[in-house]
Protein backbone atom coordinates (compact mmCIF):
# COMPACT_ATOMS: atom_id res chain seq x y z
CA MET A 1 0.13 0.04 -0.01
CA HIS A 2 1.28 3.17 -0.92
CA PRO A 3 0.97 5.88 1.65
CA THR A 4 0.09 10.11 0.29
CA LEU A 5 2.80 12.19 0.26
CA ASP A 6 1.21 14.73 -1.41
CA TYR A 7 1.33 16.61 1.85
CA LEU A 8 4.72 16.97 2.68
CA ARG A 9 7.49 19.35 2.00
CA GLU A 10 9.67 18.36 -0.62
CA ARG A 11 13.13 17.15 0.80
CA LYS A 12 10.44 14.95 3.71
CA ARG A 13 8.62 13.75 0.51
CA GLY A 14 11.51 12.03 -1.03
CA ALA A 15 13.03 10.79 2.55
CA THR A 16 9.75 8.91 2.71
CA ALA A 17 9.46 7.52 -0.23
CA SER A 18 13.20 6.39 -0.38
CA LEU A 19 12.43 4.45 3.29
CA VAL A 20 8.90 3.14 1.99
CA SER A 21 11.49 1.43 -0.69
CA LYS A 22 13.78 -0.05 1.50
CA LEU A 23 11.84 -1.11 4.27
CA GLU A 24 11.52 -5.19 4.20
CA CYS A 25 8.61 -7.86 5.32
CA ARG A 26 10.03 -10.72 6.33
CA SER A 27 8.63 -13.92 7.01
CA GLY A 28 9.39 -17.51 8.63
CA LEU A 29 11.11 -16.33 11.87
CA GLU A 30 13.22 -18.79 13.95
CA ILE A 31 13.41 -19.04 17.19
CA ARG A 32 16.54 -20.49 18.84
CA THR A 33 16.93 -22.76 22.52
CA PHE A 34 19.21 -22.55 25.22
CA ARG A 35 19.67 -24.48 28.23
CA ASP A 36 21.58 -24.04 31.84
CA VAL A 37 22.21 -20.35 30.67
CA SER A 38 22.99 -17.38 32.42
CA LEU A 39 21.03 -14.20 31.11
CA LYS A 40 22.57 -10.92 31.33
CA PRO A 41 21.27 -7.11 30.33
CA LEU A 42 23.74 -4.83 28.68
CA GLY A 43 21.73 -1.76 27.78
CA GLN A 44 21.92 0.24 24.65
CA ILE A 45 24.83 0.07 22.75
CA PRO A 46 25.26 1.20 19.26
CA ALA A 47 26.96 -1.23 16.80
CA PRO A 48 30.13 -1.82 16.81
CA TYR A 49 28.85 -4.31 19.82
CA PRO A 50 31.01 -5.40 22.48
CA GLU A 51 33.18 -8.90 22.30
CA THR A 52 32.23 -11.44 23.86
CA SER A 53 32.80 -15.60 24.68
CA GLY A 54 28.53 -15.66 25.09
CA HIS A 55 25.82 -14.57 22.60
CA LEU A 56 24.21 -11.57 21.88
CA ILE A 57 20.78 -10.98 21.49
CA VAL A 58 19.61 -7.08 19.77
CA ASP A 59 16.34 -5.84 19.88
CA ASP A 60 15.36 -2.89 18.41
CA ASN A 61 17.16 0.44 19.09
CA GLU A 62 20.13 -1.54 19.45
CA PHE A 63 18.88 -2.69 23.12
CA LEU A 64 21.54 -6.09 24.08
CA ALA A 65 21.23 -9.18 26.88
CA GLU A 66 23.78 -11.70 26.48
CA VAL A 67 23.26 -14.94 26.97
CA MET A 68 26.45 -17.10 28.46
CA GLN A 69 26.19 -20.72 27.33
CA LYS A 70 28.32 -22.31 30.78
CA LYS A 71 26.66 -23.84 33.45
CA PRO A 72 26.05 -21.01 35.86
CA THR A 73 26.67 -20.92 39.23
CA GLY A 74 25.48 -18.75 41.79
CA GLY A 75 22.70 -15.52 41.24
CA GLU A 76 18.93 -15.96 40.87
CA ARG A 77 17.66 -18.86 39.08
CA ILE A 78 14.50 -19.04 37.00
CA ALA A 79 13.04 -22.43 37.12
CA GLY A 80 11.58 -24.50 34.26
CA VAL A 81 10.87 -22.68 30.30
CA SER A 82 11.58 -18.83 30.03
CA LEU A 83 10.15 -16.99 26.83
CA TYR A 84 13.05 -13.93 26.28
CA GLY A 85 10.70 -11.02 25.45
CA GLY A 86 13.09 -8.36 24.97
CA TRP A 87 13.61 -4.80 26.57
CA LEU A 88 10.34 -3.39 27.86
CA ARG A 89 10.57 0.60 28.04
CA LYS A 90 8.05 3.83 29.22
CA VAL A 91 7.63 5.60 26.16
CA TRP A 92 4.39 4.05 24.92
CA GLY A 93 5.22 3.32 21.34
CA HIS A 94 8.52 1.80 21.83
CA PHE A 95 6.91 -0.30 25.06
CA LEU A 96 3.96 -1.02 21.75
CA MET A 97 6.37 -1.97 19.39
CA GLY A 98 9.53 -3.37 21.37
CA GLY A 99 7.50 -5.16 23.82
CA THR A 100 5.71 -7.27 21.53
CA ALA A 101 8.93 -8.35 19.16
CA ARG A 102 9.58 -11.47 20.36
CA LEU A 103 5.98 -12.99 21.32
CA TRP A 104 4.71 -13.85 18.07
CA PRO A 105 5.12 -17.65 19.09
CA ILE A 106 2.85 -16.98 21.84
CA VAL A 107 0.18 -16.20 18.38
CA LYS A 108 0.77 -18.80 16.15
CA GLY A 109 0.86 -22.06 18.25
CA ASP A 110 0.24 -23.89 21.48
CA LEU A 111 3.93 -22.51 22.92
CA LEU A 112 2.17 -20.70 25.62
CA LYS A 113 1.00 -23.38 27.65
CA ASP A 114 4.63 -24.66 28.25
CA VAL A 115 6.41 -21.43 29.23
CA ASP A 116 6.36 -20.75 32.75
CA THR A 117 7.53 -17.17 32.90
CA VAL A 118 8.37 -14.16 30.31
CA ILE A 119 10.95 -12.62 30.74
CA PHE A 120 11.72 -8.61 30.46
CA PHE A 121 14.59 -6.41 30.66
CA SER A 122 13.88 -2.95 31.64
CA ASN A 123 15.49 -0.10 32.85
CA ASP A 124 12.26 2.09 33.69
CA LEU A 125 9.89 0.19 34.08
CA LYS A 126 9.09 -1.90 37.38
CA GLU A 127 6.45 -4.94 37.79
CA PRO A 128 3.54 -4.78 38.26
CA LEU A 129 2.51 -3.26 34.73
CA GLY A 130 -0.21 -0.84 35.13
CA GLY A 131 -3.33 0.58 32.43
CA ASN A 132 -2.59 -0.06 29.19
CA TYR A 133 0.99 -1.64 29.49
CA LEU A 134 -1.06 -4.29 31.52
CA GLU A 135 -4.44 -4.43 29.58
CA LEU A 136 -2.05 -5.14 26.15
CA MET A 137 0.09 -8.19 27.64
CA GLN A 138 -3.38 -9.33 28.72
CA LEU A 139 -4.58 -9.26 25.56
CA LEU A 140 -2.06 -11.23 24.51
CA GLY A 141 -2.40 -14.03 27.35
CA VAL A 142 1.09 -13.31 28.99
CA ALA A 143 0.56 -10.93 31.78
CA ASP A 144 0.22 -13.65 34.67
CA LYS A 145 3.83 -14.98 33.47
CA ILE A 146 5.89 -11.82 32.82
CA ARG A 147 9.01 -10.96 35.06
CA ILE A 148 10.64 -7.56 34.49
CA ILE A 149 14.28 -7.38 35.96
CA ASP A 150 17.37 -5.37 35.72
CA HIS A 151 20.01 -7.99 36.20
CA ALA A 152 21.41 -11.04 35.17
CA VAL A 153 19.99 -14.05 36.04
CA CYS A 154 20.59 -17.58 35.80
CA VAL A 155 17.97 -19.92 33.36
CA ASP A 156 17.26 -23.71 32.93
CA ARG A 157 15.77 -22.98 29.45
CA LEU A 158 15.60 -20.42 27.80
CA ILE A 159 13.57 -19.70 24.33
CA VAL A 160 14.98 -16.73 22.03
CA PRO A 161 12.34 -15.95 19.47
CA ASP A 162 13.93 -13.26 16.75
CA ILE A 163 12.60 -10.10 16.62
CA SER A 164 9.53 -9.33 14.67
CA PHE A 165 9.85 -5.68 14.09
CA GLU A 166 12.92 -3.60 13.76
CA HIS A 167 11.64 0.10 13.06
CA ASP A 168 13.88 1.39 10.19
CA VAL A 169 14.96 -2.00 8.37
CA PHE A 170 12.10 -4.76 8.53
CA SER A 171 8.59 -5.76 9.83
CA SER A 172 6.73 -8.92 9.78
CA VAL A 173 3.91 -11.41 8.99
CA GLU A 174 4.58 -12.88 12.03
CA CYS A 175 4.31 -8.46 13.66
CA ARG A 176 1.29 -8.03 12.01
CA ASP A 177 -0.17 -11.14 13.28
CA THR A 178 0.64 -10.36 16.94
CA PHE A 179 -1.27 -7.57 16.80
CA ASP A 180 -4.41 -8.55 14.62
CA TYR A 181 -4.79 -11.07 17.56
CA ILE A 182 -4.58 -8.52 20.09
CA ARG A 183 -7.38 -6.66 18.18
CA MET A 184 -9.82 -9.32 18.09
CA ASN A 185 -9.25 -10.78 21.23
CA ALA A 186 -10.17 -7.04 22.52
CA LEU A 187 -13.27 -7.35 19.91
CA LYS A 188 -14.75 -9.93 21.65
CA CYS A 189 -16.09 -7.65 24.07
CA ARG A 190 -17.91 -5.85 21.55
CA SER A 191 -21.08 -4.83 22.24
CA ARG A 192 -24.12 -3.40 20.72
CA LYS A 193 -23.75 -0.33 22.38
CA THR A 194 -20.59 0.34 21.50
CA ARG A 195 -21.71 -0.27 17.28
CA ARG A 196 -24.32 2.16 17.96
CA ASN A 197 -22.64 4.70 19.63
CA ALA A 198 -19.29 5.10 18.33
CA PRO A 199 -18.13 8.24 16.59
CA LYS A 200 -17.62 7.52 12.65
CA LYS A 201 -14.84 10.06 12.78
CA ILE A 202 -12.03 9.90 15.48
CA PHE A 203 -9.08 11.75 16.36
CA LEU A 204 -6.54 11.00 19.01
CA THR A 205 -5.37 14.11 20.25
CA ARG A 206 -1.91 14.59 22.80
CA SER A 207 -3.81 17.73 24.58
CA ARG A 208 -4.06 15.66 27.79
CA LEU A 209 -0.76 14.88 28.20
CA LYS A 210 1.21 16.13 30.60
CA ASN A 211 2.03 20.03 29.89
CA ALA A 212 1.40 18.90 26.22
CA MET A 213 -0.90 22.28 26.20
CA ILE A 214 1.95 24.80 26.81
CA ASN A 215 4.54 22.89 25.34
CA GLU A 216 2.99 21.97 21.82
CA VAL A 217 1.99 25.61 20.54
CA ASN A 218 -1.24 25.92 18.81
CA LEU A 219 -2.32 21.91 19.48
CA ASP A 220 -5.64 23.68 20.74
CA LYS A 221 -6.08 24.60 17.61
CA ILE A 222 -5.41 21.44 16.12
CA ASP A 223 -7.98 19.81 18.30
CA LYS A 224 -10.62 22.10 17.01
CA LEU A 225 -9.90 21.73 13.29
CA PHE A 226 -10.72 18.45 13.34
CA SER A 227 -13.61 18.68 15.85
CA ASP A 228 -14.87 21.20 13.37
CA ASN A 229 -14.78 18.82 10.19
CA GLY A 230 -16.79 16.42 12.26
CA PHE A 231 -14.40 14.15 14.11
CA ASP A 232 -14.56 13.24 17.95
CA VAL A 233 -11.65 14.37 19.96
CA ILE A 234 -10.28 11.48 22.01
CA SER A 235 -7.74 11.12 24.50
CA PRO A 236 -6.33 7.23 24.44
CA GLU A 237 -4.51 7.69 27.51
CA HIS A 238 -7.92 7.91 29.40
CA MET A 239 -9.59 4.74 28.19
CA SER A 240 -8.95 1.35 27.60
CA LEU A 241 -6.95 -0.22 25.36
CA THR A 242 -10.18 -3.26 24.35
CA GLU A 243 -12.65 0.79 24.59
CA MET A 244 -9.95 2.56 21.74
CA ILE A 245 -10.33 -0.83 19.81
CA ASN A 246 -13.69 -0.88 19.49
CA LEU A 247 -14.08 2.32 18.46
CA PHE A 248 -11.36 1.85 15.66
CA GLU A 249 -13.70 -1.10 14.78
CA GLU A 250 -16.85 0.97 13.86
CA ALA A 251 -15.11 4.16 12.76
CA THR A 252 -14.51 5.40 8.74
CA GLU A 253 -11.48 7.65 9.44
CA LEU A 254 -9.29 7.70 11.90
CA ALA A 255 -6.75 10.81 12.06
CA THR A 256 -3.99 11.90 14.79
CA LEU A 257 -0.82 13.48 15.41
CA SER A 258 2.82 11.88 14.33
CA GLY A 259 4.77 10.10 17.32
CA SER A 260 4.03 7.32 19.88
CA ILE A 261 0.22 7.98 19.97
CA ALA A 262 -0.09 7.66 16.32
CA HIS A 263 1.57 4.08 16.56
CA ASN A 264 -1.93 3.44 18.12
CA LEU A 265 -3.31 3.00 14.73
CA ILE A 266 -1.67 -0.48 14.70
CA PHE A 267 -4.91 -1.71 16.41
CA ASP A 268 -6.64 -1.08 13.30
CA ALA A 269 -7.57 -4.51 10.85
CA PRO A 270 -5.08 -5.21 8.64
CA GLY A 271 -5.66 -4.17 4.98
CA SER A 272 -8.26 -1.52 6.57
CA ASP A 273 -9.86 0.78 3.91
CA ARG A 274 -10.23 3.42 6.43
CA ARG A 275 -8.41 6.46 5.77
CA HIS A 276 -5.69 7.25 8.43
CA ILE A 277 -4.66 11.14 8.67
CA ILE A 278 -1.09 11.76 10.63
CA ILE A 279 -0.32 15.36 11.26
CA GLU A 280 3.37 15.51 11.06
CA ARG A 281 5.06 17.69 13.95
CA HIS A 282 8.73 17.20 13.19
CA PRO A 283 10.90 16.89 9.68
CA ARG A 284 12.44 13.50 10.19
CA PRO A 285 9.99 10.88 8.86
CA ASN A 286 8.66 8.42 11.58
CA THR A 287 10.37 5.44 10.82
CA PHE A 288 8.32 3.67 13.47
CA GLN A 289 5.02 4.86 12.15
CA ILE A 290 5.98 4.23 8.29
CA ASN A 291 7.11 0.62 8.93
CA ILE A 292 3.53 0.37 10.86
CA ASP A 293 1.37 1.23 7.95
CA GLN A 294 3.31 -0.14 5.23
CA MET A 295 3.33 -3.66 7.72
CA MET A 296 -0.86 -3.19 8.26
CA GLY A 297 -1.45 -2.13 4.86
CA TYR A 298 -2.72 1.07 5.46
CA ARG A 299 -4.07 4.52 3.92
CA THR A 300 -2.18 6.91 5.27
CA VAL A 301 -2.01 10.39 4.53
CA TYR A 302 0.57 12.07 6.04
CA VAL A 303 0.48 16.16 6.38
CA ASP A 304 3.73 18.45 7.56
CA GLY A 305 1.38 20.03 9.88
CA PHE A 306 4.40 22.24 11.81
CA TYR A 307 7.38 24.63 11.71
CA LEU A 308 10.58 24.38 13.46
CA PRO A 309 12.68 28.01 14.46
CA ASN A 310 15.69 25.87 15.17
CA PHE A 311 17.77 22.50 14.60
CA SER A 312 15.86 20.64 17.40
CA CYS A 313 15.36 16.40 18.32
CA SER A 314 12.67 14.53 17.09
CA SER A 315 11.74 13.26 20.38
CA ASN A 316 11.78 16.68 21.82
CA SER A 317 8.19 17.63 24.28
CA VAL A 318 8.59 21.64 22.64
CA MET A 319 6.61 21.37 19.51
CA LEU A 320 4.98 24.45 17.34
CA TYR A 321 2.08 23.46 14.91
CA ALA A 322 0.67 25.88 12.34
CA MET A 323 -1.61 26.47 9.36
CA THR A 324 1.58 25.29 6.84
CA PRO A 325 0.94 25.79 2.71
CA GLN A 326 0.93 21.68 3.03
CA LEU A 327 -1.64 21.54 5.85
CA MET A 328 -3.48 24.45 4.35
CA ASP A 329 -3.45 21.96 0.90
CA PHE A 330 -4.92 19.14 2.57
CA ALA A 331 -7.94 21.16 4.30
CA ASP A 332 -8.52 23.08 0.82
CA ARG A 333 -8.92 19.83 -0.86
CA ALA A 334 -11.73 17.92 1.65
CA ASN A 335 -13.17 21.25 2.05
CA TRP A 336 -12.82 21.56 5.88
CA ASP A 337 -13.34 24.94 7.66
CA VAL A 338 -10.17 26.10 8.90
CA ARG A 339 -11.38 28.76 11.23
CA SER A 340 -9.41 27.21 14.52
CA PHE A 341 -6.57 29.12 12.43
CA ASP A 342 -8.37 32.36 11.74
CA GLY A 343 -5.40 35.21 11.21
CA TYR A 344 -2.87 32.39 11.19
CA ASN A 345 -1.07 34.50 8.85
CA SER A 346 -0.68 37.98 10.71
CA THR A 347 2.07 39.51 12.10
CA LYS A 348 0.59 39.64 15.58
CA THR A 349 -0.47 35.67 15.73
CA LYS A 350 3.03 34.74 14.20
CA HIS A 351 4.90 36.92 16.75
CA LYS A 352 2.61 35.30 19.49
CA GLU A 353 3.29 31.65 18.43
CA LEU A 354 6.74 32.21 17.98
CA LYS A 355 7.46 33.88 21.15
CA GLN A 356 5.44 30.66 23.43
CA PHE A 357 7.44 28.45 21.35
CA LEU A 358 11.09 29.94 21.80
CA SER A 359 10.05 30.49 25.21
CA ARG A 360 9.38 27.41 26.15
CA TYR A 361 11.94 25.20 24.46
CA ARG A 362 14.41 27.76 26.09
CA ARG A 363 13.08 26.82 29.47
CA TYR A 364 14.35 23.12 28.16
CA PHE A 365 17.43 23.90 26.32
CA GLY A 366 18.71 27.03 26.90
CA ASN A 367 20.23 28.25 23.57
CA SER A 368 21.43 24.58 22.07
CA GLU A 369 20.45 23.10 19.13
CA THR A 370 19.19 20.04 20.23
CA ILE A 371 19.45 17.52 16.79
CA ALA A 372 20.78 14.08 17.80
CA GLN A 373 23.50 12.00 16.58
CA TRP A 374 21.00 9.48 15.15
CA GLU A 375 19.24 12.42 12.99
CA ILE A 376 22.18 13.09 11.05
CA GLU A 377 21.39 11.61 7.78
CA ASP A 378 18.33 13.59 7.98
CA ALA A 379 19.75 16.82 8.24
CA PRO A 380 19.35 18.24 4.61
CA VAL A 381 15.46 17.43 5.62
CA ILE A 382 15.65 19.08 8.85
CA ALA A 383 17.24 21.82 7.33
CA GLU A 384 14.40 22.59 4.82
CA ALA A 385 11.75 23.24 7.53
CA VAL A 386 13.98 25.42 9.05
CA ILE A 387 14.10 27.77 6.43
CA ASP A 388 10.93 27.16 5.71
CA THR A 389 9.77 27.85 9.12
CA CYS A 390 12.68 31.47 8.99
CA ARG A 391 10.19 32.44 5.48
CA HIS A 392 6.97 32.49 7.25
CA TYR A 393 8.40 34.00 10.62
CA ASN A 394 11.04 36.47 8.71
CA ARG A 395 10.39 39.50 10.23
CA TRP A 396 12.26 37.63 13.45
CA LEU A 397 14.11 35.26 11.91
CA ILE A 398 15.76 36.83 8.86
CA ASP A 399 14.77 40.42 9.20
CA HIS A 400 16.13 40.01 13.57
CA MET A 401 13.88 42.23 14.97
CA PRO A 402 13.25 41.93 19.19
CA LEU A 403 10.34 39.07 19.87
CA LEU A 404 11.65 38.33 23.27
CA TRP A 405 11.91 40.83 25.73
CA PHE A 406 16.02 40.42 26.26
CA ASP A 407 15.96 41.35 22.68
CA TYR A 408 15.42 45.08 23.46
CA LEU A 409 18.98 45.16 25.60
CA THR A 410 20.63 44.07 22.92
CA PRO A 411 22.16 46.99 21.02
CA GLY A 412 21.57 45.71 17.49
CA PHE A 413 18.16 44.70 17.97
CA LEU A 414 17.02 47.80 19.39
CA TYR A 415 18.48 49.82 17.05
CA ARG A 416 16.55 47.78 14.43
CA ALA A 417 13.76 48.17 16.44
CA VAL A 418 13.60 51.91 16.21
CA LYS A 419 14.81 51.85 12.38
CA SER A 420 11.81 50.02 12.06
CA MET A 421 9.56 52.54 13.73
CA LEU A 422 11.19 55.35 12.44
CA ARG A 423 9.97 54.00 8.65
CA GLY A 424 6.83 53.18 9.68
CA ARG A 425 6.56 49.00 9.72
């Protein structure tokens, strides 16, 4: 299934198309078995990996564990048959895709009845799991077998399935089937009441996440844009996973913002004919989401709905949504009401939103440009968005007129401000 890339900036469109062409879909994953071994967490270690006399197990995002193939002595021992589940991470999107990547054998056969323990390593999650983290594992049928640890253990018998998803390299039939299994189990709770009252168009919002409304500038306008055009605005973290999946099943259109929240769309049916709309909030293509959409065969429309005043990392929490030419083009073709962004091109509006973004950004990061090491290859795409942003906010980012209060204490800024006043600008 080919995504719709018409509403992305030119370089981002090319980078996204290139990624789509390179992604693999695999099948026939394998399972390895070890007896009387020690299993040790090594953490996140970029390649080249350390030398070892044992066997390295590599999870997505280069989280490593080590299996020592010698009879262990001392330390904690986990008796019986253990399945290695990989690494769990607190960020929902990573939990979703990384935490399920080795659980596919459970879906494919009767392996689970022979497994006594599912071992996960984690640096930031502890037992017991709660909320949708727990419910995901319950829908998979493994919640009562999970052990989350951060130390080496001795294992009688260890089953290590291949990972079924690597965000920028491949997906698999096994990964797709795992999420379809979760979905089908959730739909067993489907009721007539849900079918009758469910909204037809759903927008998953970030606005009720902590600090999102102040760190993500114009987030309220994005919510209203979708609300004004017939979408029910829903916060997925305030409902159960089962409820969300049941709502998806009754919808005709699903929309959200890029990031972990968009990964929830994986709970739509494989090959669904529902249109997915994702409002992008950073220039770097979200490799997780693109891989998910390709694996599941979704009709996804990506729309650049942001500006980027400086080089900043895609994982930052400070964002600036706006009525970009790309979002306006999308809205025009869909004949949408865009009054939520009234006056978006006025000097007053631009001044207010740019000031808010830079103030929040400075609060977290000072004067630093926060592009990450792993984003270097995407520098041209990020630069494209920064340059586009400079043109939009040219009064402050090209002409360098005062914006923040301390600008008026700087001679150069003050000189330009006075000169502009005298010219009546």
